Amino acid sequence: SVMCAPLWSQDGKAFGVIQLDTQDRHKKFMEDDLKMLMGIASQASIALENARMHQDLVARERIKRDLEVAREVQRSFLPTRLPGVSGYEFFAHYEAALEVSGDYYDFIPLPGKCLAILVGDVAGKGVAAALLMAKISADARFCMLTESNLAVAISRLNDLMLQGGMAERFVTLAAAVLDPAKHELTLVNAGHPSPLIYRHATTTLEEATPNDSAGLPIGVMDGFQYESCQVQLHPGDSLLIFTDGVTEAMDVQERQLEIKGIHAALQGGHFAARALGDRVLQAVKRHAAGRSQHDDITLVSFGRTS
């Protein structure tokens, strides 16, 4: 004699069965036995479902804690304070769409009182992008501190990434070296949105890196040689570097802010570097109008105060 009772989940799906059998010919199961087994199976289903949900909750809490730790570790790779350069002011904003981010920025003091400013964006989001960001952060510092030529330093960074087995990943990067004594910027663009120069005298924006000098993203082609360009900063001029989370911010109708949205936000105004960065961020928030952030946002601006 055999009887079975299914184990049901709360959404009505069977996930198991209880089976009882006996070979005693004198003690066959009766209908009342089956009813009792069905009751036991119902209670067992609830108990097992509760245990499973508890396990899921514990696992989610563990993942949440791990991501919180990862977020703190990642933030430790970012600058804790803005640079202090006489005659210049700086602004930086970093906002991850998820717990961890693939965006990156850094300020690296260089010999001769120069300063490197880097903003990067790893393809993708989440933990994988964050891990690659950490590697790029360390490798970029090494390259910038061991190679005086910016274009050569970025070319070396590209080779290091490909030598590390990252052939299917890439990073867009905008790199600038500021010489405050000459008020001169040297720029390299590796597949990144072009930095924008705000000209105080005309209150206009212009692209800092011409298309013919922009190179491929880091990690796309082994041995790629990057090119640099120079820009002169006049009193009140600022440079704005950002990731595509700024220009690709969407409103409720899924329309992107785009570069023209930045131009519109700054049209006709006189802005120092901090006010410039803040104005762009406010434009992003107004455009999104409460829509949840779908991409990481990083923005750095700096410029002459005199």
Protein backbone atom coordinates (compact mmCIF):
# COMPACT_ATOMS: atom_id res chain seq x y z
CA SER A 1 0.00 0.00 0.00
CA VAL A 2 1.39 3.41 -1.02
CA MET A 3 0.19 6.98 -0.59
CA CYS A 4 1.75 10.28 -1.66
CA ALA A 5 1.13 13.94 -0.91
CA PRO A 6 2.71 16.84 -2.83
CA LEU A 7 4.64 19.72 -1.27
CA TRP A 8 3.35 23.02 -2.65
CA SER A 9 5.04 26.42 -2.70
CA GLN A 10 3.05 29.55 -1.91
CA ASP A 11 2.74 30.37 -5.60
CA GLY A 12 1.12 26.99 -6.30
CA LYS A 13 4.12 25.13 -7.71
CA ALA A 14 4.98 21.61 -6.55
CA PHE A 15 8.56 21.33 -5.29
CA GLY A 16 8.53 17.92 -3.61
CA VAL A 17 6.51 14.95 -2.44
CA ILE A 18 6.05 12.89 0.70
CA GLN A 19 5.61 9.17 0.04
CA LEU A 20 4.67 6.47 2.52
CA ASP A 21 4.48 2.76 1.74
CA THR A 22 3.94 -0.43 3.67
CA GLN A 23 4.33 -4.09 2.83
CA ASP A 24 2.04 -5.17 5.66
CA ARG A 25 -1.02 -6.67 3.92
CA HIS A 26 -3.08 -6.29 7.07
CA LYS A 27 -2.43 -2.54 7.46
CA LYS A 28 -3.39 -0.90 4.21
CA PHE A 29 -3.68 2.89 4.08
CA MET A 30 -7.21 4.29 4.30
CA GLU A 31 -8.74 7.59 3.17
CA ASP A 32 -8.32 9.05 6.67
CA ASP A 33 -4.60 8.22 6.49
CA LEU A 34 -4.32 10.13 3.22
CA LYS A 35 -6.14 13.13 4.71
CA MET A 36 -3.72 13.11 7.63
CA LEU A 37 -0.74 12.89 5.26
CA MET A 38 -2.12 15.79 3.22
CA GLY A 39 -2.32 17.88 6.39
CA ILE A 40 1.22 16.96 7.35
CA ALA A 41 2.40 17.77 3.81
CA SER A 42 0.71 21.18 4.00
CA GLN A 43 2.48 22.02 7.27
CA ALA A 44 5.77 20.66 5.93
CA SER A 45 5.40 22.81 2.80
CA ILE A 46 4.99 25.94 4.91
CA ALA A 47 7.96 25.04 7.12
CA LEU A 48 10.21 24.29 4.13
CA GLU A 49 9.15 27.48 2.34
CA ASN A 50 9.88 29.53 5.45
CA ALA A 51 13.29 27.88 5.79
CA ARG A 52 14.05 28.57 2.13
CA MET A 53 12.99 32.21 2.42
CA HIS A 54 15.15 32.58 5.52
CA GLN A 55 18.13 31.18 3.63
CA ASP A 56 17.47 33.59 0.75
CA LEU A 57 17.21 36.49 3.19
CA VAL A 58 20.49 35.55 4.86
CA ALA A 59 22.16 35.24 1.45
CA ARG A 60 20.82 38.63 0.33
CA GLU A 61 21.99 40.27 3.54
CA ARG A 62 25.44 38.75 3.07
CA ILE A 63 25.60 40.02 -0.52
CA LYS A 64 24.40 43.43 0.64
CA ARG A 65 27.14 43.58 3.29
CA ASP A 66 29.74 42.47 0.75
CA LEU A 67 28.62 45.17 -1.68
CA GLU A 68 28.74 47.79 1.06
CA VAL A 69 32.31 46.76 1.83
CA ALA A 70 33.13 46.79 -1.90
CA ARG A 71 31.66 50.28 -2.19
CA GLU A 72 33.83 51.56 0.67
CA VAL A 73 36.92 49.88 -0.78
CA GLN A 74 36.18 51.38 -4.19
CA ARG A 75 35.72 54.85 -2.76
CA SER A 76 39.12 54.50 -1.09
CA PHE A 77 40.63 54.51 -4.60
CA LEU A 78 39.13 57.95 -5.25
CA PRO A 79 40.66 61.21 -4.01
CA THR A 80 39.64 62.19 -0.48
CA ARG A 81 40.26 65.90 -1.06
CA LEU A 82 40.51 68.34 -3.93
CA PRO A 83 43.95 69.56 -5.05
CA GLY A 84 45.31 72.82 -3.72
CA VAL A 85 46.89 74.62 -6.67
CA SER A 86 47.54 78.34 -6.38
CA GLY A 87 45.41 80.32 -8.81
CA TYR A 88 43.07 77.40 -9.53
CA GLU A 89 39.92 75.90 -8.07
CA PHE A 90 38.59 72.37 -8.42
CA PHE A 91 35.25 70.54 -8.31
CA ALA A 92 34.55 66.79 -8.38
CA HIS A 93 31.35 64.76 -8.19
CA TYR A 94 31.00 60.96 -8.22
CA GLU A 95 27.68 59.10 -8.07
CA ALA A 96 27.27 55.37 -8.69
CA ALA A 97 24.07 54.01 -10.24
CA LEU A 98 24.52 50.74 -8.30
CA GLU A 99 26.37 49.92 -5.07
CA VAL A 100 29.65 49.88 -6.98
CA SER A 101 30.69 51.72 -10.10
CA GLY A 102 32.88 51.51 -13.17
CA ASP A 103 33.55 55.26 -13.16
CA TYR A 104 36.88 56.61 -11.95
CA TYR A 105 38.66 59.90 -11.44
CA ASP A 106 41.98 60.86 -9.90
CA PHE A 107 44.29 63.77 -9.22
CA ILE A 108 47.98 62.82 -9.42
CA PRO A 109 50.71 65.30 -8.37
CA LEU A 110 53.60 65.19 -10.85
CA PRO A 111 57.16 66.54 -10.84
CA GLY A 112 57.57 70.23 -11.61
CA LYS A 113 54.41 71.15 -9.68
CA CYS A 114 52.27 69.78 -12.49
CA LEU A 115 49.04 67.88 -11.85
CA ALA A 116 47.42 65.02 -13.76
CA ILE A 117 43.63 64.86 -13.86
CA LEU A 118 42.06 61.61 -15.08
CA VAL A 119 38.43 60.63 -15.61
CA GLY A 120 37.56 57.14 -16.83
CA ASP A 121 34.54 54.95 -17.52
CA VAL A 122 34.77 51.16 -17.56
CA ALA A 123 32.37 49.45 -19.96
CA GLY A 124 29.56 47.85 -17.96
CA LYS A 125 28.41 48.23 -14.38
CA GLY A 126 28.53 46.38 -11.10
CA VAL A 127 31.27 44.34 -9.47
CA ALA A 128 33.13 43.35 -12.66
CA ALA A 129 33.41 46.98 -13.77
CA ALA A 130 34.44 48.06 -10.26
CA LEU A 131 37.25 45.49 -10.14
CA LEU A 132 38.60 46.67 -13.48
CA MET A 133 38.32 50.26 -12.27
CA ALA A 134 40.53 49.40 -9.30
CA LYS A 135 43.16 47.91 -11.61
CA ILE A 136 43.04 50.89 -13.96
CA SER A 137 43.40 53.26 -11.01
CA ALA A 138 46.61 51.61 -9.85
CA ASP A 139 48.05 51.15 -13.35
CA ALA A 140 47.27 54.74 -14.34
CA ARG A 141 49.13 56.12 -11.33
CA PHE A 142 52.12 53.93 -12.16
CA CYS A 143 52.17 55.07 -15.79
CA MET A 144 51.71 58.76 -14.97
CA LEU A 145 54.48 58.74 -12.37
CA THR A 146 56.99 56.82 -14.48
CA GLU A 147 56.45 58.48 -17.88
CA SER A 148 56.71 62.24 -18.38
CA ASN A 149 55.04 62.25 -21.81
CA LEU A 150 51.26 62.02 -21.38
CA ALA A 151 50.58 60.34 -24.73
CA VAL A 152 53.24 57.71 -24.04
CA ALA A 153 51.88 57.16 -20.52
CA ILE A 154 48.37 56.45 -21.84
CA SER A 155 49.78 54.18 -24.57
CA ARG A 156 51.60 52.25 -21.85
CA LEU A 157 48.41 52.04 -19.78
CA ASN A 158 46.63 50.54 -22.79
CA ASP A 159 49.35 47.90 -23.20
CA LEU A 160 49.24 47.02 -19.48
CA MET A 161 45.51 46.43 -19.63
CA LEU A 162 45.78 44.12 -22.63
CA GLN A 163 48.74 42.25 -21.12
CA GLY A 164 46.56 41.61 -18.06
CA GLY A 165 44.14 39.48 -20.08
CA MET A 166 41.40 42.12 -20.31
CA ALA A 167 40.88 41.70 -24.06
CA GLU A 168 37.08 41.74 -23.87
CA ARG A 169 36.85 44.80 -21.61
CA PHE A 170 37.61 48.42 -22.37
CA VAL A 171 37.79 51.78 -20.64
CA THR A 172 37.21 55.25 -22.02
CA LEU A 173 39.56 57.79 -20.49
CA ALA A 174 40.20 61.53 -20.61
CA ALA A 175 43.59 62.55 -19.23
CA ALA A 176 44.90 66.06 -18.67
CA VAL A 177 48.17 67.40 -17.28
CA LEU A 178 48.00 70.93 -15.89
CA ASP A 179 51.11 73.10 -15.80
CA PRO A 180 49.94 75.94 -13.51
CA ALA A 181 53.07 78.00 -14.13
CA LYS A 182 52.34 78.19 -17.87
CA HIS A 183 48.54 77.85 -17.49
CA GLU A 184 48.79 75.12 -20.09
CA LEU A 185 46.91 71.83 -20.42
CA THR A 186 48.11 68.74 -22.23
CA LEU A 187 45.22 66.41 -23.10
CA VAL A 188 44.77 62.84 -24.30
CA ASN A 189 41.36 61.42 -25.18
CA ALA A 190 40.99 57.63 -25.27
CA GLY A 191 37.49 57.15 -26.66
CA HIS A 192 35.94 59.39 -24.00
CA PRO A 193 33.38 62.19 -24.40
CA SER A 194 35.45 65.23 -25.29
CA PRO A 195 36.26 67.49 -22.33
CA LEU A 196 34.76 70.95 -22.71
CA ILE A 197 36.56 74.26 -22.23
CA TYR A 198 34.50 77.07 -20.76
CA ARG A 199 35.85 80.39 -22.04
CA HIS A 200 35.16 83.09 -19.49
CA ALA A 201 35.63 85.98 -21.92
CA THR A 202 32.93 84.76 -24.32
CA THR A 203 30.86 82.54 -21.91
CA THR A 204 31.03 79.78 -24.51
CA LEU A 205 31.94 76.08 -24.51
CA GLU A 206 34.26 74.39 -26.97
CA GLU A 207 35.60 70.86 -27.31
CA ALA A 208 39.08 70.53 -25.85
CA THR A 209 40.16 67.48 -27.87
CA PRO A 210 39.70 67.62 -31.67
CA ASN A 211 38.33 64.49 -33.34
CA ASP A 212 41.61 63.93 -35.20
CA SER A 213 43.50 63.65 -31.89
CA ALA A 214 41.01 61.33 -30.12
CA GLY A 215 42.12 57.71 -29.83
CA LEU A 216 40.52 54.34 -29.16
CA PRO A 217 39.29 53.34 -25.70
CA ILE A 218 41.88 51.73 -23.44
CA GLY A 219 42.01 47.97 -24.00
CA VAL A 220 40.78 47.84 -27.60
CA MET A 221 44.01 47.55 -29.62
CA ASP A 222 47.43 46.39 -28.47
CA GLY A 223 50.23 48.80 -29.32
CA PHE A 224 47.94 51.72 -30.12
CA GLN A 225 49.78 55.05 -30.00
CA TYR A 226 47.83 57.93 -28.50
CA GLU A 227 48.24 61.58 -29.44
CA SER A 228 48.11 64.64 -27.22
CA CYS A 229 47.00 68.22 -27.79
CA GLN A 230 47.64 71.46 -25.89
CA VAL A 231 45.18 74.03 -24.61
CA GLN A 232 45.91 77.42 -23.04
CA LEU A 233 43.79 78.53 -20.08
CA HIS A 234 43.11 82.25 -19.77
CA PRO A 235 41.88 83.95 -16.57
CA GLY A 236 38.46 82.55 -15.64
CA ASP A 237 38.66 79.63 -18.10
CA SER A 238 37.74 76.14 -16.88
CA LEU A 239 37.89 72.57 -18.16
CA LEU A 240 34.93 70.23 -17.71
CA ILE A 241 35.50 66.44 -17.85
CA PHE A 242 32.60 64.02 -17.40
CA THR A 243 31.48 60.47 -18.09
CA ASP A 244 28.60 59.62 -20.43
CA GLY A 245 26.26 59.27 -17.47
CA VAL A 246 25.96 63.07 -17.66
CA THR A 247 25.05 63.46 -21.34
CA GLU A 248 23.03 60.22 -21.45
CA ALA A 249 20.86 61.10 -18.44
CA MET A 250 17.25 60.47 -19.50
CA ASP A 251 13.98 62.19 -18.77
CA VAL A 252 10.66 60.37 -18.30
CA GLN A 253 10.25 60.19 -22.09
CA GLU A 254 13.71 58.56 -22.43
CA ARG A 255 15.26 61.60 -24.12
CA GLN A 256 18.93 62.13 -23.33
CA LEU A 257 20.38 65.38 -22.01
CA GLU A 258 23.18 65.34 -24.61
CA ILE A 259 25.90 67.95 -25.06
CA LYS A 260 23.32 70.52 -26.11
CA GLY A 261 21.77 70.24 -22.64
CA ILE A 262 25.09 71.25 -21.08
CA HIS A 263 25.38 74.18 -23.49
CA ALA A 264 21.86 75.30 -22.61
CA ALA A 265 22.56 75.11 -18.86
CA LEU A 266 25.64 77.34 -19.15
CA GLN A 267 24.45 79.73 -21.83
CA GLY A 268 25.17 83.38 -21.12
CA GLY A 269 26.46 82.91 -17.58
CA HIS A 270 29.80 83.59 -15.90
CA PHE A 271 30.87 80.56 -13.87
CA ALA A 272 33.98 79.66 -11.90
CA ALA A 273 34.98 75.98 -11.89
CA ARG A 274 32.92 74.97 -8.84
CA ALA A 275 29.82 76.80 -10.01
CA LEU A 276 30.32 75.31 -13.47
CA GLY A 277 30.31 71.75 -12.18
CA ASP A 278 27.37 72.37 -9.89
CA ARG A 279 25.38 73.99 -12.70
CA VAL A 280 25.83 70.95 -14.93
CA LEU A 281 24.78 68.57 -12.14
CA GLN A 282 21.65 70.62 -11.52
CA ALA A 283 20.87 70.41 -15.23
CA VAL A 284 21.17 66.62 -15.07
CA LYS A 285 18.79 66.43 -12.10
CA ARG A 286 16.24 68.76 -13.68
CA HIS A 287 16.34 66.77 -16.91
CA ALA A 288 15.87 63.43 -15.11
CA ALA A 289 12.95 64.93 -13.14
CA GLY A 290 12.96 62.19 -10.52
CA ARG A 291 13.67 59.31 -12.91
CA SER A 292 16.00 56.75 -11.34
CA GLN A 293 19.66 57.03 -12.34
CA HIS A 294 20.55 54.40 -14.96
CA ASP A 295 24.28 55.08 -15.30
CA ASP A 296 27.21 56.16 -13.15
CA ILE A 297 27.86 59.91 -13.11
CA THR A 298 31.30 61.43 -12.65
CA LEU A 299 32.15 65.07 -13.30
CA VAL A 300 35.36 67.01 -12.67
CA SER A 301 35.89 70.69 -13.39
CA PHE A 302 38.82 72.97 -12.67
CA GLY A 303 39.94 76.37 -13.84
CA ARG A 304 41.88 79.58 -13.33
CA THR A 305 40.68 81.98 -10.71
CA SER A 306 42.94 84.77 -11.90
